[in-house]
Amino acid sequence: MNIKLYLDELVEKYETPDFIADDPIQFAHRYTKKSDIEIAGFIASIFAYGKREVFINRLNTLFEKMNNEPLNYVLNFDENNKELDDFNYRFSKGIDIIQIILLLKELYKSGATLESLFEHGYSQNGLKQALQSAVDYFYSRTTLPVTKGYYHLLPNPSNNGACKRLHMLLRWFVRGGCVDLGIWRFMDKSELMIPLDVHVAKISRELGILNRAQNDYKAVEEIMQTLKKCDPKDPVKYDFAIFGLGVNN
């Protein structure tokens, strides 16, 4: 089988506007203002684990609580506000999302943005440092008695996990096209890494582009060796192919 030809055909099939409706990227697509898109996309990405229909339902509830005005809600958030106290999703509790919103408020009140946060790390030492700097911002400023769910929402890249949701966020915001938004310009899409979860790993092994048993950062790097050969300029477009193949199966 010609793997490039096969994956290219799958990309053409799955990278369409129809993809948006059932994907967490839908929350970023609801807005036109860059800061709203950033905040909506960030929050949607960190909750994007578990059963898709469940976390999308929980995100809809959360954005309703935010009056569907992400930036305005963040900038005017009062930690004494009780409306998020009972919000939960799997490992994460209300106090975890409250802490995240308070730190987003601090970030945007300072004149910085999520883009500048990731860009700062990237300018120091590339993609992995971009992820680390972003997570370190939230870890180092935590003041509330958060639960272990807080750290599940924001996994530490230094543990060498796949960092699926952070890579997914970067794909959304660095790539352009009919699905991805392409609003961040500090890095090139050729440097992106595939968002690896158990489903993508399973399909990658079936395709013969992943031999490693663990679904960790080294597995991401192994998959990317093949994807970069297929398209050096835009290797992560094949996320649509592999994901779509998994859903179809």
C-alpha atoms as a PDB file:
ATOM      1  CA  MET A   1       0.000   0.000   0.000  1.00  0.00           C
ATOM      2  CA  ASN A   2       1.180   3.497  -0.849  1.00  0.00           C
ATOM      3  CA  ILE A   3       0.744   5.064   2.589  1.00  0.00           C
ATOM      4  CA  LYS A   4       1.002   8.655   1.342  1.00  0.00           C
ATOM      5  CA  LEU A   5      -1.632   8.172  -1.346  1.00  0.00           C
ATOM      6  CA  TYR A   6      -3.928   6.380   1.100  1.00  0.00           C
ATOM      7  CA  LEU A   7      -3.593   9.072   3.782  1.00  0.00           C
ATOM      8  CA  ASP A   8      -3.997  11.899   1.248  1.00  0.00           C
ATOM      9  CA  GLU A   9      -7.296  10.378   0.130  1.00  0.00           C
ATOM     10  CA  LEU A  10      -8.471  10.171   3.733  1.00  0.00           C
ATOM     11  CA  VAL A  11      -7.509  13.787   4.432  1.00  0.00           C
ATOM     12  CA  GLU A  12      -9.582  14.884   1.453  1.00  0.00           C
ATOM     13  CA  LYS A  13     -12.496  12.864   2.786  1.00  0.00           C
ATOM     14  CA  TYR A  14     -12.395  14.040   6.396  1.00  0.00           C
ATOM     15  CA  GLU A  15     -10.926  17.567   6.424  1.00  0.00           C
ATOM     16  CA  THR A  16     -14.196  19.262   5.544  1.00  0.00           C
ATOM     17  CA  PRO A  17     -16.441  21.801   7.316  1.00  0.00           C
ATOM     18  CA  ASP A  18     -18.690  18.903   8.350  1.00  0.00           C
ATOM     19  CA  PHE A  19     -15.904  17.797  10.711  1.00  0.00           C
ATOM     20  CA  ILE A  20     -16.503  20.820  12.959  1.00  0.00           C
ATOM     21  CA  ALA A  21     -20.022  20.004  14.170  1.00  0.00           C
ATOM     22  CA  ASP A  22     -19.016  16.944  16.219  1.00  0.00           C
ATOM     23  CA  ASP A  23     -15.539  18.074  17.266  1.00  0.00           C
ATOM     24  CA  PRO A  24     -14.501  20.236  20.249  1.00  0.00           C
ATOM     25  CA  ILE A  25     -13.102  22.769  17.770  1.00  0.00           C
ATOM     26  CA  GLN A  26     -16.729  23.848  17.331  1.00  0.00           C
ATOM     27  CA  PHE A  27     -16.415  26.022  20.449  1.00  0.00           C
ATOM     28  CA  ALA A  28     -13.592  28.092  18.977  1.00  0.00           C
ATOM     29  CA  HIS A  29     -15.560  28.455  15.736  1.00  0.00           C
ATOM     30  CA  ARG A  30     -18.423  30.140  17.570  1.00  0.00           C
ATOM     31  CA  TYR A  31     -16.484  33.403  17.868  1.00  0.00           C
ATOM     32  CA  THR A  32     -14.869  35.968  15.605  1.00  0.00           C
ATOM     33  CA  LYS A  33     -12.802  37.984  18.082  1.00  0.00           C
ATOM     34  CA  LYS A  34      -9.324  36.517  18.481  1.00  0.00           C
ATOM     35  CA  SER A  35      -9.277  36.575  22.286  1.00  0.00           C
ATOM     36  CA  ASP A  36     -12.672  34.865  22.450  1.00  0.00           C
ATOM     37  CA  ILE A  37     -11.444  32.210  20.008  1.00  0.00           C
ATOM     38  CA  GLU A  38      -8.269  31.637  22.052  1.00  0.00           C
ATOM     39  CA  ILE A  39     -10.033  31.277  25.382  1.00  0.00           C
ATOM     40  CA  ALA A  40     -12.860  29.150  23.985  1.00  0.00           C
ATOM     41  CA  GLY A  41     -10.400  26.891  22.172  1.00  0.00           C
ATOM     42  CA  PHE A  42      -8.148  26.541  25.195  1.00  0.00           C
ATOM     43  CA  ILE A  43     -10.983  25.613  27.540  1.00  0.00           C
ATOM     44  CA  ALA A  44     -12.503  23.228  24.985  1.00  0.00           C
ATOM     45  CA  SER A  45      -9.150  21.523  24.411  1.00  0.00           C
ATOM     46  CA  ILE A  46      -8.299  20.862  28.050  1.00  0.00           C
ATOM     47  CA  PHE A  47     -11.667  19.160  28.617  1.00  0.00           C
ATOM     48  CA  ALA A  48     -11.429  17.081  25.426  1.00  0.00           C
ATOM     49  CA  TYR A  49     -10.934  13.629  26.903  1.00  0.00           C
ATOM     50  CA  GLY A  50     -13.265  10.731  27.596  1.00  0.00           C
ATOM     51  CA  LYS A  51     -16.466  10.181  25.651  1.00  0.00           C
ATOM     52  CA  ARG A  52     -16.900  12.875  23.039  1.00  0.00           C
ATOM     53  CA  GLU A  53     -20.638  13.351  23.481  1.00  0.00           C
ATOM     54  CA  VAL A  54     -20.184  13.666  27.263  1.00  0.00           C
ATOM     55  CA  PHE A  55     -17.431  16.280  27.300  1.00  0.00           C
ATOM     56  CA  ILE A  56     -19.100  18.300  24.531  1.00  0.00           C
ATOM     57  CA  ASN A  57     -22.269  18.336  26.612  1.00  0.00           C
ATOM     58  CA  ARG A  58     -20.310  19.507  29.668  1.00  0.00           C
ATOM     59  CA  LEU A  59     -18.578  22.190  27.608  1.00  0.00           C
ATOM     60  CA  ASN A  60     -21.931  23.442  26.352  1.00  0.00           C
ATOM     61  CA  THR A  61     -23.018  23.771  29.974  1.00  0.00           C
ATOM     62  CA  LEU A  62     -19.817  25.598  30.880  1.00  0.00           C
ATOM     63  CA  PHE A  63     -20.078  28.070  28.001  1.00  0.00           C
ATOM     64  CA  GLU A  64     -23.701  28.750  28.936  1.00  0.00           C
ATOM     65  CA  LYS A  65     -22.496  29.638  32.432  1.00  0.00           C
ATOM     66  CA  MET A  66     -19.993  31.963  30.739  1.00  0.00           C
ATOM     67  CA  ASN A  67     -22.875  33.624  28.854  1.00  0.00           C
ATOM     68  CA  ASN A  68     -21.092  32.572  25.651  1.00  0.00           C
ATOM     69  CA  GLU A  69     -18.743  35.534  26.120  1.00  0.00           C
ATOM     70  CA  PRO A  70     -15.402  33.923  27.015  1.00  0.00           C
ATOM     71  CA  LEU A  71     -13.175  37.013  27.216  1.00  0.00           C
ATOM     72  CA  ASN A  72     -15.751  39.180  28.959  1.00  0.00           C
ATOM     73  CA  TYR A  73     -16.506  36.419  31.444  1.00  0.00           C
ATOM     74  CA  VAL A  74     -12.818  35.844  32.201  1.00  0.00           C
ATOM     75  CA  LEU A  75     -11.982  39.530  32.621  1.00  0.00           C
ATOM     76  CA  ASN A  76     -14.898  40.124  34.986  1.00  0.00           C
ATOM     77  CA  PHE A  77     -14.765  36.857  36.893  1.00  0.00           C
ATOM     78  CA  ASP A  78     -15.044  37.076  40.685  1.00  0.00           C
ATOM     79  CA  GLU A  79     -13.724  34.082  42.610  1.00  0.00           C
ATOM     80  CA  ASN A  80     -16.550  34.585  45.119  1.00  0.00           C
ATOM     81  CA  ASN A  81     -19.013  33.820  42.333  1.00  0.00           C
ATOM     82  CA  LYS A  82     -20.585  30.463  43.242  1.00  0.00           C
ATOM     83  CA  GLU A  83     -21.982  29.502  39.839  1.00  0.00           C
ATOM     84  CA  LEU A  84     -19.039  27.252  38.964  1.00  0.00           C
ATOM     85  CA  ASP A  85     -18.754  25.568  42.356  1.00  0.00           C
ATOM     86  CA  ASP A  86     -20.827  22.601  41.258  1.00  0.00           C
ATOM     87  CA  PHE A  87     -19.330  22.285  37.776  1.00  0.00           C
ATOM     88  CA  ASN A  88     -17.470  19.013  37.317  1.00  0.00           C
ATOM     89  CA  TYR A  89     -16.271  16.640  34.662  1.00  0.00           C
ATOM     90  CA  ARG A  90     -14.728  13.298  35.532  1.00  0.00           C
ATOM     91  CA  PHE A  91     -11.581  14.063  37.584  1.00  0.00           C
ATOM     92  CA  SER A  92     -12.081  17.837  37.604  1.00  0.00           C
ATOM     93  CA  LYS A  93     -14.160  19.886  40.027  1.00  0.00           C
ATOM     94  CA  GLY A  94     -15.464  23.429  40.104  1.00  0.00           C
ATOM     95  CA  ILE A  95     -12.440  24.724  41.981  1.00  0.00           C
ATOM     96  CA  ASP A  96     -10.168  23.502  39.169  1.00  0.00           C
ATOM     97  CA  ILE A  97     -11.918  25.468  36.435  1.00  0.00           C
ATOM     98  CA  ILE A  98     -12.233  28.463  38.777  1.00  0.00           C
ATOM     99  CA  GLN A  99      -8.449  28.460  39.211  1.00  0.00           C
ATOM    100  CA  ILE A 100      -7.927  28.237  35.453  1.00  0.00           C
ATOM    101  CA  ILE A 101     -10.314  31.122  34.797  1.00  0.00           C
ATOM    102  CA  LEU A 102      -8.639  33.249  37.474  1.00  0.00           C
ATOM    103  CA  LEU A 103      -5.245  32.657  35.854  1.00  0.00           C
ATOM    104  CA  LEU A 104      -6.634  33.431  32.407  1.00  0.00           C
ATOM    105  CA  LYS A 105      -7.964  36.666  33.915  1.00  0.00           C
ATOM    106  CA  GLU A 106      -4.514  37.481  35.299  1.00  0.00           C
ATOM    107  CA  LEU A 107      -2.944  36.724  31.915  1.00  0.00           C
ATOM    108  CA  TYR A 108      -5.292  38.862  29.831  1.00  0.00           C
ATOM    109  CA  LYS A 109      -5.453  41.689  32.396  1.00  0.00           C
ATOM    110  CA  SER A 110      -1.661  41.926  32.149  1.00  0.00           C
ATOM    111  CA  GLY A 111      -1.894  42.585  28.418  1.00  0.00           C
ATOM    112  CA  ALA A 112      -0.613  39.134  27.495  1.00  0.00           C
ATOM    113  CA  THR A 113      -2.587  36.430  25.688  1.00  0.00           C
ATOM    114  CA  LEU A 114      -2.525  32.672  25.317  1.00  0.00           C
ATOM    115  CA  GLU A 115      -0.678  33.176  22.058  1.00  0.00           C
ATOM    116  CA  SER A 116       2.037  35.249  23.698  1.00  0.00           C
ATOM    117  CA  LEU A 117       2.289  32.667  26.500  1.00  0.00           C
ATOM    118  CA  PHE A 118       3.000  29.833  24.050  1.00  0.00           C
ATOM    119  CA  GLU A 119       5.156  32.082  21.870  1.00  0.00           C
ATOM    120  CA  HIS A 120       7.389  32.983  24.818  1.00  0.00           C
ATOM    121  CA  GLY A 121       8.322  29.354  25.405  1.00  0.00           C
ATOM    122  CA  TYR A 122       8.666  28.652  21.701  1.00  0.00           C
ATOM    123  CA  SER A 123      11.117  31.544  21.278  1.00  0.00           C
ATOM    124  CA  GLN A 124      13.289  30.056  24.030  1.00  0.00           C
ATOM    125  CA  ASN A 125      13.569  26.477  22.819  1.00  0.00           C
ATOM    126  CA  GLY A 126      10.987  25.423  20.276  1.00  0.00           C
ATOM    127  CA  LEU A 127       7.738  23.485  20.424  1.00  0.00           C
ATOM    128  CA  LYS A 128       8.228  21.411  23.555  1.00  0.00           C
ATOM    129  CA  GLN A 129       9.238  24.470  25.553  1.00  0.00           C
ATOM    130  CA  ALA A 130       6.147  26.259  24.252  1.00  0.00           C
ATOM    131  CA  LEU A 131       4.029  23.541  25.878  1.00  0.00           C
ATOM    132  CA  GLN A 132       6.117  23.557  29.055  1.00  0.00           C
ATOM    133  CA  SER A 133       6.007  27.316  29.504  1.00  0.00           C
ATOM    134  CA  ALA A 134       2.243  27.384  29.073  1.00  0.00           C
ATOM    135  CA  VAL A 135       1.693  24.651  31.664  1.00  0.00           C
ATOM    136  CA  ASP A 136       4.268  26.165  34.036  1.00  0.00           C
ATOM    137  CA  TYR A 137       2.315  29.428  33.993  1.00  0.00           C
ATOM    138  CA  PHE A 138      -0.706  27.661  35.469  1.00  0.00           C
ATOM    139  CA  TYR A 139       1.276  25.455  37.855  1.00  0.00           C
ATOM    140  CA  SER A 140       3.399  28.239  39.316  1.00  0.00           C
ATOM    141  CA  ARG A 141       0.495  30.593  40.020  1.00  0.00           C
ATOM    142  CA  THR A 142      -1.953  28.142  41.546  1.00  0.00           C
ATOM    143  CA  THR A 143      -3.358  29.610  44.776  1.00  0.00           C
ATOM    144  CA  LEU A 144      -6.549  27.601  45.367  1.00  0.00           C
ATOM    145  CA  PRO A 145      -6.717  24.082  46.863  1.00  0.00           C
ATOM    146  CA  VAL A 146      -7.214  22.435  43.470  1.00  0.00           C
ATOM    147  CA  THR A 147      -7.785  18.706  43.028  1.00  0.00           C
ATOM    148  CA  LYS A 148      -5.774  16.201  41.024  1.00  0.00           C
ATOM    149  CA  GLY A 149      -8.223  16.965  38.207  1.00  0.00           C
ATOM    150  CA  TYR A 150      -6.542  20.349  37.745  1.00  0.00           C
ATOM    151  CA  TYR A 151      -3.295  18.629  36.812  1.00  0.00           C
ATOM    152  CA  HIS A 152      -5.137  16.198  34.568  1.00  0.00           C
ATOM    153  CA  LEU A 153      -6.545  19.134  32.614  1.00  0.00           C
ATOM    154  CA  LEU A 154      -3.015  20.558  32.321  1.00  0.00           C
ATOM    155  CA  PRO A 155      -0.602  17.584  32.117  1.00  0.00           C
ATOM    156  CA  ASN A 156       3.081  18.329  32.607  1.00  0.00           C
ATOM    157  CA  PRO A 157       5.092  17.941  29.353  1.00  0.00           C
ATOM    158  CA  SER A 158       8.207  17.151  31.391  1.00  0.00           C
ATOM    159  CA  ASN A 159       6.635  13.761  32.143  1.00  0.00           C
ATOM    160  CA  ASN A 160       7.085  12.937  28.434  1.00  0.00           C
ATOM    161  CA  GLY A 161       3.458  12.077  27.862  1.00  0.00           C
ATOM    162  CA  ALA A 162       1.873  12.510  24.436  1.00  0.00           C
ATOM    163  CA  CYS A 163       0.397  15.921  25.400  1.00  0.00           C
ATOM    164  CA  LYS A 164      -2.501  15.169  23.064  1.00  0.00           C
ATOM    165  CA  ARG A 165      -4.714  18.109  24.000  1.00  0.00           C
ATOM    166  CA  LEU A 166      -1.940  20.703  23.882  1.00  0.00           C
ATOM    167  CA  HIS A 167      -0.875  19.487  20.443  1.00  0.00           C
ATOM    168  CA  MET A 168      -4.502  19.554  19.343  1.00  0.00           C
ATOM    169  CA  LEU A 169      -4.818  23.169  20.476  1.00  0.00           C
ATOM    170  CA  LEU A 170      -1.721  24.110  18.496  1.00  0.00           C
ATOM    171  CA  ARG A 171      -3.078  22.330  15.435  1.00  0.00           C
ATOM    172  CA  TRP A 172      -6.295  24.335  15.713  1.00  0.00           C
ATOM    173  CA  PHE A 173      -4.537  27.667  16.026  1.00  0.00           C
ATOM    174  CA  VAL A 174      -1.399  27.270  13.872  1.00  0.00           C
ATOM    175  CA  ARG A 175      -2.867  25.438  10.871  1.00  0.00           C
ATOM    176  CA  GLY A 176      -5.341  27.101   8.575  1.00  0.00           C
ATOM    177  CA  GLY A 177      -7.953  25.550   6.327  1.00  0.00           C
ATOM    178  CA  CYS A 178     -11.660  24.802   6.454  1.00  0.00           C
ATOM    179  CA  VAL A 179     -11.451  23.264   9.950  1.00  0.00           C
ATOM    180  CA  ASP A 180      -8.399  24.686  11.720  1.00  0.00           C
ATOM    181  CA  LEU A 181      -8.395  28.405  12.436  1.00  0.00           C
ATOM    182  CA  GLY A 182      -4.786  29.473  11.750  1.00  0.00           C
ATOM    183  CA  ILE A 183      -4.796  32.509  14.081  1.00  0.00           C
ATOM    184  CA  TRP A 184      -1.303  31.998  15.568  1.00  0.00           C
ATOM    185  CA  ARG A 185       1.737  32.894  13.473  1.00  0.00           C
ATOM    186  CA  PHE A 186       4.732  32.377  15.772  1.00  0.00           C
ATOM    187  CA  MET A 187       5.566  28.911  14.421  1.00  0.00           C
ATOM    188  CA  ASP A 188       5.202  27.063  11.141  1.00  0.00           C
ATOM    189  CA  LYS A 189       2.681  24.259  10.679  1.00  0.00           C
ATOM    190  CA  SER A 190       5.538  22.009   9.542  1.00  0.00           C
ATOM    191  CA  GLU A 191       6.682  21.874  13.188  1.00  0.00           C
ATOM    192  CA  LEU A 192       3.385  20.684  14.638  1.00  0.00           C
ATOM    193  CA  MET A 193       3.061  17.242  16.247  1.00  0.00           C
ATOM    194  CA  ILE A 194       0.070  14.918  15.946  1.00  0.00           C
ATOM    195  CA  PRO A 195      -2.388  14.840  18.880  1.00  0.00           C
ATOM    196  CA  LEU A 196      -1.932  11.236  19.998  1.00  0.00           C
ATOM    197  CA  ASP A 197      -4.598   9.359  21.955  1.00  0.00           C
ATOM    198  CA  VAL A 198      -5.363   5.636  22.240  1.00  0.00           C
ATOM    199  CA  HIS A 199      -7.486   5.651  19.071  1.00  0.00           C
ATOM    200  CA  VAL A 200      -4.889   7.412  16.911  1.00  0.00           C
ATOM    201  CA  ALA A 201      -2.206   5.123  18.343  1.00  0.00           C
ATOM    202  CA  LYS A 202      -4.263   2.019  17.524  1.00  0.00           C
ATOM    203  CA  ILE A 203      -4.828   3.070  13.908  1.00  0.00           C
ATOM    204  CA  SER A 204      -1.187   4.130  13.549  1.00  0.00           C
ATOM    205  CA  ARG A 205      -0.064   0.661  14.591  1.00  0.00           C
ATOM    206  CA  GLU A 206      -2.497  -0.923  12.148  1.00  0.00           C
ATOM    207  CA  LEU A 207      -1.068   1.277   9.391  1.00  0.00           C
ATOM    208  CA  GLY A 208       2.464   0.249  10.340  1.00  0.00           C
ATOM    209  CA  ILE A 209       3.657   3.760  11.193  1.00  0.00           C
ATOM    210  CA  LEU A 210       3.925   3.109  14.942  1.00  0.00           C
ATOM    211  CA  ASN A 211       5.738   0.186  16.554  1.00  0.00           C
ATOM    212  CA  ARG A 212       6.294   1.591  20.034  1.00  0.00           C
ATOM    213  CA  ALA A 213       4.070   0.007  22.690  1.00  0.00           C
ATOM    214  CA  GLN A 214       3.670   3.094  24.892  1.00  0.00           C
ATOM    215  CA  ASN A 215       1.498   6.027  23.849  1.00  0.00           C
ATOM    216  CA  ASP A 216       4.034   8.647  24.926  1.00  0.00           C
ATOM    217  CA  TYR A 217       6.025  11.481  23.380  1.00  0.00           C
ATOM    218  CA  LYS A 218       8.440   9.071  21.712  1.00  0.00           C
ATOM    219  CA  ALA A 219       5.447   7.452  20.024  1.00  0.00           C
ATOM    220  CA  VAL A 220       4.408  10.878  18.725  1.00  0.00           C
ATOM    221  CA  GLU A 221       7.905  11.394  17.334  1.00  0.00           C
ATOM    222  CA  GLU A 222       7.874   7.960  15.695  1.00  0.00           C
ATOM    223  CA  ILE A 223       4.577   8.627  13.910  1.00  0.00           C
ATOM    224  CA  MET A 224       5.791  12.040  12.796  1.00  0.00           C
ATOM    225  CA  GLN A 225       8.778  10.477  11.003  1.00  0.00           C
ATOM    226  CA  THR A 226       6.364   8.943   8.477  1.00  0.00           C
ATOM    227  CA  LEU A 227       3.964  11.880   8.325  1.00  0.00           C
ATOM    228  CA  LYS A 228       6.794  14.326   7.611  1.00  0.00           C
ATOM    229  CA  LYS A 229       7.923  12.145   4.721  1.00  0.00           C
ATOM    230  CA  CYS A 230       4.375  12.193   3.335  1.00  0.00           C
ATOM    231  CA  ASP A 231       4.121  15.990   3.592  1.00  0.00           C
ATOM    232  CA  PRO A 232       7.082  17.890   5.085  1.00  0.00           C
ATOM    233  CA  LYS A 233       5.216  21.214   4.925  1.00  0.00           C
ATOM    234  CA  ASP A 234       1.996  20.110   6.617  1.00  0.00           C
ATOM    235  CA  PRO A 235       2.428  16.708   8.276  1.00  0.00           C
ATOM    236  CA  VAL A 236      -0.282  17.114  10.903  1.00  0.00           C
ATOM    237  CA  LYS A 237      -3.017  17.344   8.276  1.00  0.00           C
ATOM    238  CA  TYR A 238      -2.899  13.551   8.495  1.00  0.00           C
ATOM    239  CA  ASP A 239      -4.482  13.785  11.931  1.00  0.00           C
ATOM    240  CA  PHE A 240      -7.754  14.079  10.011  1.00  0.00           C
ATOM    241  CA  ALA A 241      -6.968  10.915   8.066  1.00  0.00           C
ATOM    242  CA  ILE A 242      -6.006   8.776  11.047  1.00  0.00           C
ATOM    243  CA  PHE A 243      -8.772  10.096  13.268  1.00  0.00           C
ATOM    244  CA  GLY A 244     -11.360   9.722  10.528  1.00  0.00           C
ATOM    245  CA  LEU A 245     -10.231   6.201   9.771  1.00  0.00           C
ATOM    246  CA  GLY A 246     -10.628   5.304  13.432  1.00  0.00           C
ATOM    247  CA  VAL A 247     -14.137   6.766  13.610  1.00  0.00           C
ATOM    248  CA  ASN A 248     -15.139   5.025  10.378  1.00  0.00           C
ATOM    249  CA  ASN A 249     -13.901   1.695  11.702  1.00  0.00           C
END
